[in-house]
């Protein structure tokens, strides 16, 4: 009699993909790769019935695509084996720089959902801790959806085009501003499990109310069950004023954004006191709580760092046209691309770029705390790129500490023009 575990598939072992790779098909694609350009870009692999199998990026299209069809005796992953079996045709789209290829690949994967891509494919909404906009705010977990009425017409048009499956090629590489639900968003978190960990870690330190009804202060009333446990500060029975309650909320936001709060100091002092009293089990429990809170705060501090420090103008080569070489500018504010310009190298075109830079980076108040998933993915890509290339001349930083004098805009444009001139000279030297 077979084991009942077989009925649920618990003993089933997934075998790697087994398919026969056609040698003639591989040879045909090897010949096609010889005509591919030696420039950055994005490549597309299609299967039967024009199914999109895979989208990838490349610093050099010819070398990257050729590597898929090379004759090698080395074992390959099951995904590559399946790709070589099912591929029927391929396409490439050349771009001017590796950075543009990175951003374009992310957008195309999110919009077209290739079968064999995993990264950037999930298009769900990240969970947040939401501090509600009320007289006595509540802390809850939410999968934040932007409010349709709070979006401007341009943003709604862009999101509508994406929903209809339109190609992104005709639109600039910009992240649209989305609306925000009323409240203060703390996050995002990559999974709901991380959000619940964060909620459990902070709810013991900050006794915010958990009831969903509106607060009506009744000094003669009776506290709820959470008040008896010390998990609520009792605003409904007048034990905490509105000013004190708001101070608790400010400490919570300060903790998640900076990792520092008066409650943390009190908790550390309590841990040390328990250790002095030889209550090591209780001290270890508090230590684990402090480590969990520090982990949550570290994740959110990275997001705040990207928002505050990743403000720059990035100049990259664009695709050459009949009129000559072009320049692509990526205007990064708050960690994401807010404007993407492609123009020639004439003085009038640089004046147009100067006006766009001034418009994007002129001082104004950023009130939105909501970060869409598409924007967060782009912020992570740009953060890694700026960490590697932030010291190069093609990056003009727009943070306060980089504005040495009042001519910061002219200095930034001059720096970018010199960097692009040096890039063009290097390109002509290599071609010669």
Protein backbone atom coordinates (compact mmCIF):
# COMPACT_ATOMS: atom_id res chain seq x y z
CA UNK A 1 0.00 0.00 0.00
CA UNK A 2 1.52 3.35 -1.00
CA UNK A 3 2.18 5.98 1.61
CA UNK A 4 -0.56 8.63 1.99
CA UNK A 5 2.16 11.23 1.54
CA UNK A 6 2.25 10.35 -2.17
CA UNK A 7 -1.34 11.55 -2.53
CA UNK A 8 -0.30 15.07 -1.56
CA UNK A 9 2.86 15.09 -3.64
CA UNK A 10 5.13 15.58 -0.64
CA UNK A 11 7.65 13.02 -1.93
CA UNK A 12 7.63 14.27 -5.51
CA UNK A 13 10.99 15.59 -6.65
CA UNK A 14 10.95 18.15 -9.42
CA UNK A 15 13.16 17.02 -12.29
CA UNK A 16 15.06 19.56 -14.36
CA UNK A 17 13.64 20.60 -17.70
CA UNK A 18 14.25 17.91 -20.28
CA UNK A 19 14.07 19.01 -23.87
CA UNK A 20 15.98 18.46 -27.05
CA UNK A 21 17.95 21.43 -28.31
CA UNK A 22 17.88 21.65 -32.09
CA UNK A 23 21.42 22.07 -33.37
CA UNK A 24 20.30 23.65 -36.64
CA UNK A 25 18.22 26.24 -34.79
CA UNK A 26 21.21 27.10 -32.59
CA UNK A 27 23.39 27.48 -35.68
CA UNK A 28 20.84 29.80 -37.27
CA UNK A 29 20.79 32.06 -34.22
CA UNK A 30 24.57 32.04 -34.05
CA UNK A 31 24.65 33.46 -37.57
CA UNK A 32 22.05 36.09 -36.65
CA UNK A 33 24.08 37.32 -33.70
CA UNK A 34 26.90 38.38 -36.03
CA UNK A 35 24.78 41.24 -37.35
CA UNK A 36 23.80 42.58 -33.90
CA UNK A 37 25.20 45.98 -32.87
CA UNK A 38 27.99 46.33 -30.32
CA UNK A 39 26.11 48.73 -28.05
CA UNK A 40 23.95 48.61 -24.92
CA UNK A 41 20.37 47.54 -25.32
CA UNK A 42 17.53 45.19 -24.49
CA UNK A 43 16.89 41.85 -26.20
CA UNK A 44 13.67 39.85 -26.56
CA UNK A 45 13.31 36.07 -27.06
CA UNK A 46 10.01 34.81 -28.52
CA UNK A 47 8.58 31.31 -28.68
CA UNK A 48 5.70 29.79 -30.61
CA UNK A 49 2.65 31.93 -31.28
CA UNK A 50 4.73 35.03 -30.50
CA UNK A 51 4.88 34.25 -26.78
CA UNK A 52 7.42 36.45 -25.08
CA UNK A 53 9.82 34.12 -23.27
CA UNK A 54 12.50 36.41 -21.90
CA UNK A 55 13.60 40.05 -21.74
CA UNK A 56 17.18 40.90 -20.83
CA UNK A 57 19.62 43.78 -20.84
CA UNK A 58 23.15 43.93 -22.19
CA UNK A 59 26.12 46.24 -22.09
CA UNK A 60 27.09 44.82 -25.49
CA UNK A 61 24.18 43.24 -27.36
CA UNK A 62 26.26 41.12 -29.72
CA UNK A 63 28.40 39.51 -27.03
CA UNK A 64 25.54 38.96 -24.56
CA UNK A 65 23.11 37.36 -27.01
CA UNK A 66 25.88 35.26 -28.58
CA UNK A 67 26.64 33.73 -25.17
CA UNK A 68 23.22 32.02 -25.14
CA UNK A 69 23.94 30.05 -28.33
CA UNK A 70 27.62 29.25 -27.77
CA UNK A 71 28.64 25.59 -27.94
CA UNK A 72 29.76 24.72 -24.45
CA UNK A 73 30.17 21.56 -22.44
CA UNK A 74 29.41 23.34 -19.18
CA UNK A 75 26.04 22.48 -17.55
CA UNK A 76 23.39 25.17 -17.94
CA UNK A 77 20.41 26.08 -15.73
CA UNK A 78 17.05 24.58 -16.55
CA UNK A 79 15.74 28.03 -17.53
CA UNK A 80 18.41 28.43 -20.23
CA UNK A 81 17.77 24.90 -21.51
CA UNK A 82 14.06 25.62 -21.81
CA UNK A 83 14.81 28.93 -23.52
CA UNK A 84 17.03 27.25 -26.15
CA UNK A 85 14.37 24.63 -26.84
CA UNK A 86 11.38 26.98 -27.18
CA UNK A 87 12.93 30.04 -28.84
CA UNK A 88 11.74 30.78 -32.38
CA UNK A 89 12.94 34.31 -33.01
CA UNK A 90 14.66 37.20 -31.26
CA UNK A 91 14.62 40.98 -31.36
CA UNK A 92 16.93 43.64 -29.98
CA UNK A 93 16.39 47.29 -29.11
CA UNK A 94 19.53 49.41 -28.98
CA UNK A 95 19.83 52.23 -26.45
CA UNK A 96 22.51 54.77 -25.74
CA UNK A 97 23.82 53.63 -22.35
CA UNK A 98 23.86 50.78 -19.87
CA UNK A 99 21.79 52.79 -17.38
CA UNK A 100 19.02 53.28 -19.92
CA UNK A 101 19.08 49.53 -20.63
CA UNK A 102 18.70 48.80 -16.90
CA UNK A 103 15.67 51.05 -16.49
CA UNK A 104 14.05 49.96 -19.76
CA UNK A 105 14.42 46.27 -18.89
CA UNK A 106 12.66 46.78 -15.56
CA UNK A 107 9.71 48.57 -17.16
CA UNK A 108 9.32 46.06 -19.97
CA UNK A 109 9.35 43.07 -17.60
CA UNK A 110 6.73 44.68 -15.35
CA UNK A 111 4.47 45.55 -18.30
CA UNK A 112 4.85 42.57 -20.65
CA UNK A 113 5.32 39.77 -18.06
CA UNK A 114 7.72 37.40 -19.89
CA UNK A 115 7.41 33.73 -19.01
CA UNK A 116 10.98 33.07 -17.87
CA UNK A 117 11.69 36.36 -16.10
CA UNK A 118 11.43 36.45 -12.33
CA UNK A 119 12.92 39.74 -11.20
CA UNK A 120 10.57 42.77 -11.44
CA UNK A 121 7.79 40.50 -12.75
CA UNK A 122 5.49 40.62 -9.74
CA UNK A 123 3.37 43.71 -10.07
CA UNK A 124 1.62 43.60 -6.71
CA UNK A 125 1.62 46.35 -4.10
CA UNK A 126 4.04 46.32 -1.19
CA UNK A 127 2.60 46.35 2.37
CA UNK A 128 3.00 49.44 4.54
CA UNK A 129 2.48 50.44 8.13
CA UNK A 130 -0.16 53.17 7.92
CA UNK A 131 -0.49 55.81 10.63
CA UNK A 132 -4.02 57.04 10.01
CA UNK A 133 -4.88 60.71 9.65
CA UNK A 134 -7.12 61.09 12.70
CA UNK A 135 -7.19 62.99 15.97
CA UNK A 136 -5.86 59.83 17.66
CA UNK A 137 -4.12 57.88 14.85
CA UNK A 138 -4.12 54.09 14.60
CA UNK A 139 -1.25 51.94 13.32
CA UNK A 140 -2.36 49.30 10.84
CA UNK A 141 -0.97 47.22 7.97
CA UNK A 142 -2.22 48.04 4.51
CA UNK A 143 -1.49 47.18 0.92
CA UNK A 144 -1.60 50.77 -0.18
CA UNK A 145 -3.58 51.52 -3.31
CA UNK A 146 -3.45 55.09 -4.68
CA UNK A 147 -6.72 56.98 -4.61
CA UNK A 148 -7.97 57.55 -8.16
CA UNK A 149 -9.33 60.99 -7.40
CA UNK A 150 -6.01 62.26 -6.04
CA UNK A 151 -4.08 61.56 -9.25
CA UNK A 152 -3.60 64.20 -11.87
CA UNK A 153 -4.76 63.65 -15.47
CA UNK A 154 -1.25 62.92 -16.78
CA UNK A 155 -0.63 60.19 -14.20
CA UNK A 156 -4.02 58.58 -14.87
CA UNK A 157 -3.26 58.57 -18.60
CA UNK A 158 0.11 56.88 -18.08
CA UNK A 159 -1.36 54.24 -15.78
CA UNK A 160 -4.22 53.64 -18.22
CA UNK A 161 -1.77 53.09 -21.07
CA UNK A 162 0.20 50.63 -18.98
CA UNK A 163 -2.98 48.72 -18.12
CA UNK A 164 -3.91 48.47 -21.79
CA UNK A 165 -0.56 46.88 -22.59
CA UNK A 166 0.84 49.73 -24.65
CA UNK A 167 4.56 49.75 -25.29
CA UNK A 168 6.74 51.90 -23.12
CA UNK A 169 9.15 52.74 -25.94
CA UNK A 170 7.34 55.93 -26.92
CA UNK A 171 7.20 57.29 -23.36
CA UNK A 172 10.12 58.75 -21.40
CA UNK A 173 11.80 56.78 -18.66
CA UNK A 174 10.09 58.65 -15.84
CA UNK A 175 8.29 57.48 -12.73
CA UNK A 176 4.88 59.16 -12.44
CA UNK A 177 3.78 60.74 -9.19
CA UNK A 178 0.92 58.74 -7.73
CA UNK A 179 -1.68 59.87 -5.26
CA UNK A 180 -1.63 58.84 -1.62
CA UNK A 181 -4.28 57.54 0.74
CA UNK A 182 -4.89 59.85 3.70
CA UNK A 183 -2.32 59.05 6.38
CA UNK A 184 1.41 58.57 7.00
CA UNK A 185 3.02 55.61 5.23
CA UNK A 186 5.90 53.87 6.99
CA UNK A 187 7.60 51.49 4.64
CA UNK A 188 7.33 49.81 2.27
CA UNK A 189 8.11 46.27 3.36
CA UNK A 190 9.02 43.57 0.87
CA UNK A 191 6.60 40.96 2.29
CA UNK A 192 3.56 40.99 4.61
CA UNK A 193 5.57 38.89 7.07
CA UNK A 194 8.12 41.69 7.49
CA UNK A 195 5.31 44.18 8.00
CA UNK A 196 3.75 42.02 10.76
CA UNK A 197 7.15 41.66 12.41
CA UNK A 198 7.52 45.43 12.41
CA UNK A 199 4.03 45.91 13.84
CA UNK A 200 4.63 43.39 16.63
CA UNK A 201 8.00 44.97 17.43
CA UNK A 202 6.77 48.54 17.82
CA UNK A 203 3.28 48.02 19.24
CA UNK A 204 4.76 47.00 22.62
CA UNK A 205 6.78 50.20 22.85
CA UNK A 206 4.16 52.62 21.53
CA UNK A 207 0.74 51.98 23.12
CA UNK A 208 -1.41 53.35 20.31
CA UNK A 209 -5.10 52.56 20.21
CA UNK A 210 -6.25 49.45 18.34
CA UNK A 211 -9.99 50.12 18.13
CA UNK A 212 -11.47 51.10 14.76
CA UNK A 213 -14.25 53.39 15.95
CA UNK A 214 -13.95 57.16 16.27
CA UNK A 215 -12.66 58.35 19.64
CA UNK A 216 -15.12 60.12 21.94
CA UNK A 217 -13.39 60.99 25.20
CA UNK A 218 -15.38 59.84 28.23
CA UNK A 219 -13.44 60.40 31.50
CA UNK A 220 -16.01 58.32 33.41
CA UNK A 221 -15.83 55.42 30.98
CA UNK A 222 -14.14 52.08 31.33
CA UNK A 223 -10.90 51.14 29.62
CA UNK A 224 -10.83 48.35 27.05
CA UNK A 225 -9.09 45.00 27.36
CA UNK A 226 -5.91 46.33 25.70
CA UNK A 227 -5.80 49.16 28.24
CA UNK A 228 -5.83 46.64 31.06
CA UNK A 229 -2.89 44.82 29.43
CA UNK A 230 -0.93 48.05 28.98
CA UNK A 231 -1.12 47.84 25.17
CA UNK A 232 -3.16 51.07 24.87
CA UNK A 233 -2.62 54.45 26.50
CA UNK A 234 -6.38 54.98 27.01
CA UNK A 235 -7.23 58.13 24.99
CA UNK A 236 -10.93 57.21 25.06
CA UNK A 237 -11.10 57.58 28.86
CA UNK A 238 -8.96 60.72 29.01
CA UNK A 239 -5.76 59.15 30.37
CA UNK A 240 -3.71 60.53 27.44
CA UNK A 241 -4.24 63.98 25.97
CA UNK A 242 -4.15 64.68 22.27
CA UNK A 243 -0.74 66.39 22.58
CA UNK A 244 0.79 63.45 24.46
CA UNK A 245 -0.69 61.00 21.99
CA UNK A 246 0.78 62.96 19.08
CA UNK A 247 4.15 62.90 20.85
CA UNK A 248 3.98 59.10 20.94
CA UNK A 249 3.25 59.07 17.19
CA UNK A 250 6.21 61.38 16.53
CA UNK A 251 8.49 59.08 18.54
CA UNK A 252 7.27 56.13 16.47
CA UNK A 253 8.05 57.88 13.19
CA UNK A 254 11.42 59.02 14.52
CA UNK A 255 12.30 55.45 15.53
CA UNK A 256 11.44 53.94 12.16
CA UNK A 257 13.25 56.66 10.24
CA UNK A 258 16.36 57.17 12.40
CA UNK A 259 16.49 54.21 14.80
CA UNK A 260 16.45 56.54 17.83
CA UNK A 261 13.64 57.25 20.30
CA UNK A 262 13.27 57.76 24.06
CA UNK A 263 11.46 54.42 24.35
CA UNK A 264 14.53 52.60 23.01
CA UNK A 265 16.75 54.15 25.69
CA UNK A 266 14.28 53.09 28.39
CA UNK A 267 14.16 49.56 26.98
CA UNK A 268 17.97 49.31 26.95
CA UNK A 269 18.15 50.55 30.54
CA UNK A 270 15.56 47.94 31.54
CA UNK A 271 17.58 45.21 29.82
CA UNK A 272 20.75 46.22 31.67
CA UNK A 273 18.87 46.34 34.98
CA UNK A 274 17.54 42.81 34.45
CA UNK A 275 21.02 41.57 33.59
CA UNK A 276 22.37 43.08 36.82
CA UNK A 277 19.60 41.25 38.71
CA UNK A 278 20.63 37.96 37.04
CA UNK A 279 17.32 37.77 35.15
CA UNK A 280 19.12 36.69 32.00
CA UNK A 281 16.08 35.12 30.28
CA UNK A 282 14.12 38.38 30.49
CA UNK A 283 17.18 40.38 29.39
CA UNK A 284 17.63 38.07 26.38
CA UNK A 285 13.98 38.53 25.40
CA UNK A 286 14.37 42.32 25.46
CA UNK A 287 17.60 42.01 23.47
CA UNK A 288 15.77 40.09 20.74
CA UNK A 289 13.07 42.77 20.65
CA UNK A 290 15.73 45.48 20.26
CA UNK A 291 17.39 43.55 17.42
CA UNK A 292 14.04 43.17 15.63
CA UNK A 293 13.33 46.89 15.96
CA UNK A 294 16.83 47.77 14.72
CA UNK A 295 16.37 45.51 11.69
CA UNK A 296 13.08 47.17 10.82
CA UNK A 297 14.54 50.65 11.28
CA UNK A 298 17.58 49.79 9.13
CA UNK A 299 15.35 48.75 6.22
CA UNK A 300 13.37 51.98 6.38
CA UNK A 301 16.46 54.15 6.86
CA UNK A 302 17.77 52.90 3.54
CA UNK A 303 14.62 54.11 1.82
CA UNK A 304 14.83 57.48 3.56
CA UNK A 305 18.50 57.75 2.57
CA UNK A 306 17.64 57.13 -1.08
CA UNK A 307 14.92 59.76 -0.95
CA UNK A 308 17.12 62.38 0.69
CA UNK A 309 20.53 61.83 -0.92
CA UNK A 310 19.90 60.43 -4.40
CA UNK A 311 19.28 63.74 -6.16
CA UNK A 312 21.41 64.08 -9.26
CA UNK A 313 21.51 64.72 -13.00
CA UNK A 314 23.07 61.85 -14.95
CA UNK A 315 24.36 62.46 -18.48
CA UNK A 316 24.67 59.42 -20.73
CA UNK A 317 25.20 58.95 -24.48
CA UNK A 318 22.05 58.67 -26.53
CA UNK A 319 21.47 56.89 -29.81
CA UNK A 320 23.20 58.61 -32.72
CA UNK A 321 20.92 60.19 -35.32
CA UNK A 322 21.45 61.62 -38.81
CA UNK A 323 22.12 65.01 -37.23
CA UNK A 324 24.89 63.57 -35.06
CA UNK A 325 25.37 62.21 -31.53
CA UNK A 326 22.78 62.86 -28.84
CA UNK A 327 22.83 63.17 -25.06
CA UNK A 328 20.40 61.55 -22.63
CA UNK A 329 19.80 63.24 -19.28
CA UNK A 330 18.23 61.44 -16.33
CA UNK A 331 16.93 63.91 -13.74
CA UNK A 332 16.83 61.94 -10.48
CA UNK A 333 15.04 63.50 -7.54
CA UNK A 334 13.96 61.63 -4.44
CA UNK A 335 15.75 58.52 -5.73
CA UNK A 336 13.66 58.06 -8.91
CA UNK A 337 13.78 59.46 -12.44
CA UNK A 338 11.47 62.47 -12.67
CA UNK A 339 12.48 63.62 -16.17
CA UNK A 340 14.22 61.88 -19.07
CA UNK A 341 15.51 64.06 -21.92
CA UNK A 342 17.21 63.13 -25.19
CA UNK A 343 18.58 66.02 -27.23
CA UNK A 344 21.40 67.08 -29.53
CA UNK A 345 24.55 68.88 -28.47
CA UNK A 346 23.68 72.32 -29.81
CA UNK A 347 23.64 75.32 -27.43
CA UNK A 348 19.87 75.68 -27.78
CA UNK A 349 19.34 72.08 -26.72
CA UNK A 350 21.53 72.53 -23.63
CA UNK A 351 19.53 75.66 -22.74
CA UNK A 352 16.39 73.53 -22.89
CA UNK A 353 18.06 71.01 -20.59
CA UNK A 354 19.06 73.81 -18.22
CA UNK A 355 15.42 74.93 -17.96
CA UNK A 356 14.27 71.35 -17.27
CA UNK A 357 16.88 70.89 -14.53
CA UNK A 358 15.83 74.14 -12.88
CA UNK A 359 12.18 73.13 -13.00
CA UNK A 360 12.77 69.71 -11.43
CA UNK A 361 15.27 70.73 -8.75
CA UNK A 362 13.95 74.11 -7.71
CA UNK A 363 12.96 74.07 -4.02
CA UNK A 364 9.47 72.80 -3.34
CA UNK A 365 7.83 70.78 -0.61
CA UNK A 366 7.48 67.04 -1.15
CA UNK A 367 4.32 66.00 0.67
CA UNK A 368 3.84 62.50 -0.75
CA UNK A 369 4.95 59.66 1.52
CA UNK A 370 3.57 56.87 -0.66
CA UNK A 371 6.11 54.97 -2.78
CA UNK A 372 4.72 52.83 -5.57
CA UNK A 373 6.29 49.43 -6.27
CA UNK A 374 7.50 50.54 -9.69
CA UNK A 375 9.14 53.58 -8.12
CA UNK A 376 10.77 51.52 -5.37
CA UNK A 377 12.24 49.03 -7.86
CA UNK A 378 13.66 51.92 -9.86
CA UNK A 379 15.07 53.55 -6.72
CA UNK A 380 16.95 50.35 -5.88
CA UNK A 381 18.45 50.16 -9.39
CA UNK A 382 19.52 53.80 -9.35
CA UNK A 383 20.95 53.49 -5.84
CA UNK A 384 23.21 50.62 -6.89
CA UNK A 385 24.25 52.49 -10.04
CA UNK A 386 25.03 55.71 -8.17
CA UNK A 387 27.06 53.85 -5.58
CA UNK A 388 29.28 52.53 -8.38
CA UNK A 389 29.40 55.58 -10.67
CA UNK A 390 28.52 58.50 -8.39
CA UNK A 391 32.06 59.87 -8.45
CA UNK A 392 32.27 60.14 -12.23
CA UNK A 393 32.00 63.43 -14.11
CA UNK A 394 28.78 62.33 -15.83
CA UNK A 395 26.94 62.65 -12.48
CA UNK A 396 26.13 66.15 -11.19
CA UNK A 397 24.81 65.92 -7.63
CA UNK A 398 21.97 68.24 -6.65
CA UNK A 399 22.01 67.77 -2.88
CA UNK A 400 22.39 70.75 -0.54
CA UNK A 401 25.97 69.87 0.39
CA UNK A 402 26.96 69.83 -3.30
CA UNK A 403 25.65 73.36 -4.01
CA UNK A 404 28.92 75.16 -3.35
CA UNK A 405 27.73 78.58 -4.50
CA UNK A 406 24.77 80.28 -6.13
CA UNK A 407 25.89 79.17 -9.60
CA UNK A 408 25.22 75.49 -8.89
CA UNK A 409 23.01 75.08 -11.97
CA UNK A 410 25.58 76.57 -14.36
CA UNK A 411 28.34 74.51 -12.76
CA UNK A 412 26.30 71.31 -13.12
CA UNK A 413 25.52 71.94 -16.80
CA UNK A 414 29.18 72.79 -17.52
CA UNK A 415 30.31 69.62 -15.78
CA UNK A 416 27.88 67.46 -17.77
CA UNK A 417 28.84 69.06 -21.10
CA UNK A 418 32.53 68.44 -20.43
CA UNK A 419 31.80 64.84 -19.47
CA UNK A 420 29.85 64.20 -22.66
CA UNK A 421 32.55 65.86 -24.79
CA UNK A 422 35.14 63.58 -23.23
CA UNK A 423 32.91 60.56 -23.91
CA UNK A 424 32.52 61.51 -27.58
CA UNK A 425 36.28 61.96 -27.96
CA UNK A 426 36.90 58.55 -26.40
CA UNK A 427 34.36 56.96 -28.73
CA UNK A 428 35.94 58.51 -31.81
CA UNK A 429 39.41 57.42 -30.63
CA UNK A 430 38.26 53.79 -30.21
CA UNK A 431 36.56 53.83 -33.60
CA UNK A 432 39.74 55.14 -35.27
